[in-house]
PDB file of all heavy atoms in Angstrom:
ATOM      1  N   ARG A   1     116.538   7.332 120.021  1.00  0.00           N
ATOM      2  CA  ARG A   1     117.937   7.675 120.271  1.00  0.00           C
ATOM      3  C   ARG A   1     118.056   9.183 120.332  1.00  0.00           C
ATOM      4  O   ARG A   1     118.159   9.873 119.334  1.00  0.00           O
ATOM      5  CB  ARG A   1     118.817   7.152 119.135  1.00  0.00           C
ATOM      6  CG  ARG A   1     118.958   5.662 119.153  1.00  0.00           C
ATOM      7  CD  ARG A   1     120.081   5.168 118.229  1.00  0.00           C
ATOM      8  NE  ARG A   1     120.386   3.769 118.445  1.00  0.00           N
ATOM      9  CZ  ARG A   1     121.512   3.198 118.114  1.00  0.00           C
ATOM     10  NH1 ARG A   1     122.483   3.933 117.582  1.00  0.00           N
ATOM     11  NH2 ARG A   1     121.720   1.897 118.337  1.00  0.00           N
ATOM     12  N   THR A   2     117.975   9.732 121.538  1.00  0.00           N
ATOM     13  CA  THR A   2     117.959  11.188 121.686  1.00  0.00           C
ATOM     14  C   THR A   2     119.337  11.802 121.499  1.00  0.00           C
ATOM     15  O   THR A   2     119.453  12.976 121.130  1.00  0.00           O
ATOM     16  CB  THR A   2     117.372  11.576 123.070  1.00  0.00           C
ATOM     17  OG1 THR A   2     118.141  10.968 124.113  1.00  0.00           O
ATOM     18  CG2 THR A   2     115.922  11.104 123.196  1.00  0.00           C
ATOM     19  N   VAL A   3     120.406  11.047 121.773  1.00  0.00           N
ATOM     20  CA  VAL A   3     121.754  11.471 121.488  1.00  0.00           C
ATOM     21  C   VAL A   3     122.501  10.249 120.931  1.00  0.00           C
ATOM     22  O   VAL A   3     122.460   9.173 121.516  1.00  0.00           O
ATOM     23  CB  VAL A   3     122.504  11.966 122.753  1.00  0.00           C
ATOM     24  CG1 VAL A   3     123.951  12.356 122.412  1.00  0.00           C
ATOM     25  CG2 VAL A   3     121.769  13.162 123.377  1.00  0.00           C
ATOM     26  N   ASP A   4     123.130  10.449 119.813  1.00  0.00           N
ATOM     27  CA  ASP A   4     123.900   9.359 119.170  1.00  0.00           C
ATOM     28  C   ASP A   4     125.066  10.007 118.429  1.00  0.00           C
ATOM     29  O   ASP A   4     125.024  10.228 117.227  1.00  0.00           O
ATOM     30  CB  ASP A   4     123.045   8.526 118.249  1.00  0.00           C
ATOM     31  CG  ASP A   4     123.741   7.260 117.719  1.00  0.00           C
ATOM     32  OD1 ASP A   4     124.917   7.043 118.143  1.00  0.00           O
ATOM     33  OD2 ASP A   4     123.148   6.519 116.920  1.00  0.00           O
ATOM     34  N   LEU A   5     126.133  10.315 119.202  1.00  0.00           N
ATOM     35  CA  LEU A   5     127.247  11.075 118.671  1.00  0.00           C
ATOM     36  C   LEU A   5     128.535  10.269 118.786  1.00  0.00           C
ATOM     37  O   LEU A   5     128.790   9.635 119.814  1.00  0.00           O
ATOM     38  CB  LEU A   5     127.431  12.421 119.393  1.00  0.00           C
ATOM     39  CG  LEU A   5     126.238  13.393 119.242  1.00  0.00           C
ATOM     40  CD1 LEU A   5     126.463  14.577 120.168  1.00  0.00           C
ATOM     41  CD2 LEU A   5     126.085  13.821 117.802  1.00  0.00           C
ATOM     42  N   ARG A   6     129.373  10.313 117.746  1.00  0.00           N
ATOM     43  CA  ARG A   6     130.644   9.602 117.740  1.00  0.00           C
ATOM     44  C   ARG A   6     131.748  10.468 117.183  1.00  0.00           C
ATOM     45  O   ARG A   6     131.586  11.198 116.202  1.00  0.00           O
ATOM     46  CB  ARG A   6     130.520   8.333 116.886  1.00  0.00           C
ATOM     47  CG  ARG A   6     129.736   7.245 117.575  1.00  0.00           C
ATOM     48  CD  ARG A   6     129.242   6.145 116.659  1.00  0.00           C
ATOM     49  NE  ARG A   6     130.189   5.651 115.696  1.00  0.00           N
ATOM     50  CZ  ARG A   6     129.985   4.622 114.929  1.00  0.00           C
ATOM     51  NH1 ARG A   6     128.822   3.965 114.977  1.00  0.00           N
ATOM     52  NH2 ARG A   6     130.884   4.231 114.044  1.00  0.00           N
ATOM     53  N   VAL A   7     132.880  10.403 117.817  1.00  0.00           N
ATOM     54  CA  VAL A   7     134.114  10.994 117.339  1.00  0.00           C
ATOM     55  C   VAL A   7     135.028   9.814 116.983  1.00  0.00           C
ATOM     56  O   VAL A   7     135.464   9.103 117.848  1.00  0.00           O
ATOM     57  CB  VAL A   7     134.799  11.898 118.377  1.00  0.00           C
ATOM     58  CG1 VAL A   7     136.107  12.448 117.840  1.00  0.00           C
ATOM     59  CG2 VAL A   7     133.872  13.016 118.797  1.00  0.00           C
ATOM     60  N   GLU A   8     135.286   9.641 115.701  1.00  0.00           N
ATOM     61  CA  GLU A   8     135.980   8.417 115.257  1.00  0.00           C
ATOM     62  C   GLU A   8     137.487   8.536 115.400  1.00  0.00           C
ATOM     63  O   GLU A   8     138.133   7.554 115.787  1.00  0.00           O
ATOM     64  CB  GLU A   8     135.645   8.113 113.805  1.00  0.00           C
ATOM     65  CG  GLU A   8     134.138   8.072 113.472  1.00  0.00           C
ATOM     66  CD  GLU A   8     133.397   6.898 114.078  1.00  0.00           C
ATOM     67  OE1 GLU A   8     133.890   6.304 115.071  1.00  0.00           O
ATOM     68  OE2 GLU A   8     132.360   6.559 113.543  1.00  0.00           O
ATOM     69  N   ASP A   9     138.045   9.682 115.148  1.00  0.00           N
ATOM     70  CA  ASP A   9     139.513   9.855 115.113  1.00  0.00           C
ATOM     71  C   ASP A   9     139.831  11.317 115.354  1.00  0.00           C
ATOM     72  O   ASP A   9     139.640  12.160 114.459  1.00  0.00           O
ATOM     73  CB  ASP A   9     140.075   9.343 113.805  1.00  0.00           C
ATOM     74  CG  ASP A   9     141.612   9.431 113.749  1.00  0.00           C
ATOM     75  OD1 ASP A   9     142.261   9.337 114.803  1.00  0.00           O
ATOM     76  OD2 ASP A   9     142.142   9.637 112.640  1.00  0.00           O
ATOM     77  N   HIS A  10     140.328  11.663 116.538  1.00  0.00           N
ATOM     78  CA  HIS A  10     140.595  13.065 116.868  1.00  0.00           C
ATOM     79  C   HIS A  10     141.652  13.123 117.971  1.00  0.00           C
ATOM     80  O   HIS A  10     141.629  12.301 118.868  1.00  0.00           O
ATOM     81  CB  HIS A  10     139.267  13.736 117.327  1.00  0.00           C
ATOM     82  CG  HIS A  10     139.331  15.238 117.340  1.00  0.00           C
ATOM     83  ND1 HIS A  10     139.908  15.918 118.385  1.00  0.00           N
ATOM     84  CD2 HIS A  10     138.869  16.141 116.474  1.00  0.00           C
ATOM     85  CE1 HIS A  10     139.781  17.218 118.151  1.00  0.00           C
ATOM     86  NE2 HIS A  10     139.158  17.383 116.994  1.00  0.00           N
ATOM     87  N   PRO A  11     142.538  14.087 117.899  1.00  0.00           N
ATOM     88  CA  PRO A  11     143.563  14.165 118.944  1.00  0.00           C
ATOM     89  C   PRO A  11     143.043  14.503 120.311  1.00  0.00           C
ATOM     90  O   PRO A  11     143.630  14.120 121.336  1.00  0.00           O
ATOM     91  CB  PRO A  11     144.525  15.298 118.454  1.00  0.00           C
ATOM     92  CG  PRO A  11     143.686  16.074 117.500  1.00  0.00           C
ATOM     93  CD  PRO A  11     142.778  15.088 116.844  1.00  0.00           C
ATOM     94  N   GLU A  12     141.840  15.139 120.396  1.00  0.00           N
ATOM     95  CA  GLU A  12     141.188  15.433 121.668  1.00  0.00           C
ATOM     96  C   GLU A  12     139.731  15.026 121.544  1.00  0.00           C
ATOM     97  O   GLU A  12     138.860  15.912 121.421  1.00  0.00           O
ATOM     98  CB  GLU A  12     141.346  16.885 122.045  1.00  0.00           C
ATOM     99  CG  GLU A  12     142.796  17.316 122.312  1.00  0.00           C
ATOM    100  CD  GLU A  12     142.925  18.776 122.803  1.00  0.00           C
ATOM    101  OE1 GLU A  12     141.911  19.282 123.274  1.00  0.00           O
ATOM    102  OE2 GLU A  12     143.985  19.319 122.685  1.00  0.00           O
ATOM    103  N   PRO A  13     139.441  13.752 121.606  1.00  0.00           N
ATOM    104  CA  PRO A  13     138.079  13.308 121.301  1.00  0.00           C
ATOM    105  C   PRO A  13     137.012  13.796 122.307  1.00  0.00           C
ATOM    106  O   PRO A  13     135.889  14.033 121.908  1.00  0.00           O
ATOM    107  CB  PRO A  13     138.220  11.787 121.334  1.00  0.00           C
ATOM    108  CG  PRO A  13     139.407  11.477 122.125  1.00  0.00           C
ATOM    109  CD  PRO A  13     140.358  12.635 121.843  1.00  0.00           C
ATOM    110  N   ILE A  14     137.365  13.918 123.556  1.00  0.00           N
ATOM    111  CA  ILE A  14     136.366  14.370 124.530  1.00  0.00           C
ATOM    112  C   ILE A  14     136.061  15.854 124.345  1.00  0.00           C
ATOM    113  O   ILE A  14     134.893  16.273 124.409  1.00  0.00           O
ATOM    114  CB  ILE A  14     136.857  14.054 125.970  1.00  0.00           C
ATOM    115  CG1 ILE A  14     136.999  12.564 126.132  1.00  0.00           C
ATOM    116  CG2 ILE A  14     135.801  14.612 126.978  1.00  0.00           C
ATOM    117  CD1 ILE A  14     137.535  12.149 127.514  1.00  0.00           C
ATOM    118  N   ALA A  15     137.043  16.672 124.050  1.00  0.00           N
ATOM    119  CA  ALA A  15     136.794  18.059 123.764  1.00  0.00           C
ATOM    120  C   ALA A  15     135.927  18.211 122.522  1.00  0.00           C
ATOM    121  O   ALA A  15     135.023  19.036 122.448  1.00  0.00           O
ATOM    122  CB  ALA A  15     138.110  18.810 123.600  1.00  0.00           C
ATOM    123  N   GLU A  16     136.208  17.380 121.498  1.00  0.00           N
ATOM    124  CA  GLU A  16     135.423  17.408 120.293  1.00  0.00           C
ATOM    125  C   GLU A  16     133.963  16.926 120.559  1.00  0.00           C
ATOM    126  O   GLU A  16     133.012  17.490 120.033  1.00  0.00           O
ATOM    127  CB  GLU A  16     136.065  16.510 119.236  1.00  0.00           C
ATOM    128  CG  GLU A  16     135.228  16.334 117.945  1.00  0.00           C
ATOM    129  CD  GLU A  16     135.047  17.628 117.142  1.00  0.00           C
ATOM    130  OE1 GLU A  16     135.590  18.688 117.532  1.00  0.00           O
ATOM    131  OE2 GLU A  16     134.317  17.569 116.115  1.00  0.00           O
ATOM    132  N   MET A  17     133.819  15.989 121.481  1.00  0.00           N
ATOM    133  CA  MET A  17     132.503  15.530 121.835  1.00  0.00           C
ATOM    134  C   MET A  17     131.713  16.626 122.524  1.00  0.00           C
ATOM    135  O   MET A  17     130.508  16.806 122.270  1.00  0.00           O
ATOM    136  CB  MET A  17     132.600  14.296 122.774  1.00  0.00           C
ATOM    137  CG  MET A  17     131.252  13.766 123.218  1.00  0.00           C
ATOM    138  SD  MET A  17     130.172  13.228 121.871  1.00  0.00           S
ATOM    139  CE  MET A  17     131.076  11.777 121.311  1.00  0.00           C
ATOM    140  N   ARG A  18     132.347  17.457 123.356  1.00  0.00           N
ATOM    141  CA  ARG A  18     131.646  18.573 123.975  1.00  0.00           C
ATOM    142  C   ARG A  18     131.167  19.543 122.901  1.00  0.00           C
ATOM    143  O   ARG A  18     130.038  20.039 122.976  1.00  0.00           O
ATOM    144  CB  ARG A  18     132.553  19.291 124.994  1.00  0.00           C
ATOM    145  CG  ARG A  18     131.919  20.501 125.585  1.00  0.00           C
ATOM    146  CD  ARG A  18     132.586  21.006 126.824  1.00  0.00           C
ATOM    147  NE  ARG A  18     132.400  20.134 127.960  1.00  0.00           N
ATOM    148  CZ  ARG A  18     131.290  20.062 128.705  1.00  0.00           C
ATOM    149  NH1 ARG A  18     130.248  20.810 128.383  1.00  0.00           N
ATOM    150  NH2 ARG A  18     131.215  19.247 129.741  1.00  0.00           N
ATOM    151  N   ARG A  19     132.003  19.806 121.903  1.00  0.00           N
ATOM    152  CA  ARG A  19     131.553  20.685 120.798  1.00  0.00           C
ATOM    153  C   ARG A  19     130.317  20.116 120.102  1.00  0.00           C
ATOM    154  O   ARG A  19     129.360  20.842 119.795  1.00  0.00           O
ATOM    155  CB  ARG A  19     132.708  20.903 119.808  1.00  0.00           C
ATOM    156  CG  ARG A  19     132.366  21.928 118.701  1.00  0.00           C
ATOM    157  CD  ARG A  19     133.457  21.925 117.669  1.00  0.00           C
ATOM    158  NE  ARG A  19     133.419  20.774 116.793  1.00  0.00           N
ATOM    159  CZ  ARG A  19     132.606  20.634 115.726  1.00  0.00           C
ATOM    160  NH1 ARG A  19     131.760  21.590 115.426  1.00  0.00           N
ATOM    161  NH2 ARG A  19     132.662  19.548 115.015  1.00  0.00           N
ATOM    162  N   LEU A  20     130.312  18.805 119.877  1.00  0.00           N
ATOM    163  CA  LEU A  20     129.206  18.169 119.194  1.00  0.00           C
ATOM    164  C   LEU A  20     127.932  18.176 120.032  1.00  0.00           C
ATOM    165  O   LEU A  20     126.816  18.362 119.533  1.00  0.00           O
ATOM    166  CB  LEU A  20     129.556  16.740 118.823  1.00  0.00           C
ATOM    167  CG  LEU A  20     130.663  16.558 117.780  1.00  0.00           C
ATOM    168  CD1 LEU A  20     130.924  15.097 117.536  1.00  0.00           C
ATOM    169  CD2 LEU A  20     130.370  17.299 116.471  1.00  0.00           C
ATOM    170  N   ILE A  21     128.080  17.981 121.353  1.00  0.00           N
ATOM    171  CA  ILE A  21     126.917  18.049 122.235  1.00  0.00           C
ATOM    172  C   ILE A  21     126.253  19.419 122.199  1.00  0.00           C
ATOM    173  O   ILE A  21     125.010  19.537 122.127  1.00  0.00           O
ATOM    174  CB  ILE A  21     127.337  17.719 123.686  1.00  0.00           C
ATOM    175  CG1 ILE A  21     127.670  16.201 123.820  1.00  0.00           C
ATOM    176  CG2 ILE A  21     126.247  18.095 124.689  1.00  0.00           C
ATOM    177  CD1 ILE A  21     126.512  15.266 123.774  1.00  0.00           C
ATOM    178  N   VAL A  22     127.084  20.463 122.177  1.00  0.00           N
ATOM    179  CA  VAL A  22     126.527  21.841 122.098  1.00  0.00           C
ATOM    180  C   VAL A  22     125.852  22.024 120.736  1.00  0.00           C
ATOM    181  O   VAL A  22     124.778  22.608 120.648  1.00  0.00           O
ATOM    182  CB  VAL A  22     127.652  22.879 122.328  1.00  0.00           C
ATOM    183  CG1 VAL A  22     127.133  24.272 122.031  1.00  0.00           C
ATOM    184  CG2 VAL A  22     128.172  22.787 123.724  1.00  0.00           C
ATOM    185  N   LEU A  23     126.487  21.561 119.666  1.00  0.00           N
ATOM    186  CA  LEU A  23     125.933  21.745 118.347  1.00  0.00           C
ATOM    187  C   LEU A  23     124.624  20.976 118.198  1.00  0.00           C
ATOM    188  O   LEU A  23     123.636  21.462 117.583  1.00  0.00           O
ATOM    189  CB  LEU A  23     126.947  21.283 117.296  1.00  0.00           C
ATOM    190  CG  LEU A  23     126.611  21.631 115.832  1.00  0.00           C
ATOM    191  CD1 LEU A  23     126.452  23.108 115.618  1.00  0.00           C
ATOM    192  CD2 LEU A  23     127.693  21.061 114.924  1.00  0.00           C
ATOM    193  N   GLN A  24     124.552  19.787 118.752  1.00  0.00           N
ATOM    194  CA  GLN A  24     123.316  19.024 118.684  1.00  0.00           C
ATOM    195  C   GLN A  24     122.184  19.752 119.388  1.00  0.00           C
ATOM    196  O   GLN A  24     121.049  19.797 118.917  1.00  0.00           O
ATOM    197  CB  GLN A  24     123.471  17.625 119.292  1.00  0.00           C
ATOM    198  CG  GLN A  24     122.175  16.812 119.100  1.00  0.00           C
ATOM    199  CD  GLN A  24     122.132  15.539 119.894  1.00  0.00           C
ATOM    200  OE1 GLN A  24     122.510  15.518 121.049  1.00  0.00           O
ATOM    201  NE2 GLN A  24     121.652  14.500 119.267  1.00  0.00           N
ATOM    202  N   ARG A  25     122.487  20.356 120.540  1.00  0.00           N
ATOM    203  CA  ARG A  25     121.485  21.120 121.246  1.00  0.00           C
ATOM    204  C   ARG A  25     121.012  22.306 120.411  1.00  0.00           C
ATOM    205  O   ARG A  25     119.825  22.616 120.398  1.00  0.00           O
ATOM    206  CB  ARG A  25     122.064  21.607 122.597  1.00  0.00           C
ATOM    207  CG  ARG A  25     121.109  22.448 123.442  1.00  0.00           C
ATOM    208  CD  ARG A  25     119.794  21.743 123.682  1.00  0.00           C
ATOM    209  NE  ARG A  25     118.854  22.538 124.408  1.00  0.00           N
ATOM    210  CZ  ARG A  25     117.547  22.364 124.385  1.00  0.00           C
ATOM    211  NH1 ARG A  25     116.997  21.410 123.666  1.00  0.00           N
ATOM    212  NH2 ARG A  25     116.734  23.132 125.099  1.00  0.00           N
ATOM    213  N   ALA A  26     121.912  22.959 119.720  1.00  0.00           N
ATOM    214  CA  ALA A  26     121.554  24.061 118.844  1.00  0.00           C
ATOM    215  C   ALA A  26     120.598  23.610 117.751  1.00  0.00           C
ATOM    216  O   ALA A  26     119.566  24.263 117.484  1.00  0.00           O
ATOM    217  CB  ALA A  26     122.817  24.696 118.244  1.00  0.00           C
TER     218      ALA A  26
END
């Protein structure tokens, strides 16, 4: 599982997912 990220409850879940994708890369 090279990427396994979830945003469970957020007013802007896709924007939060972009932040997590960048953080995972870091």
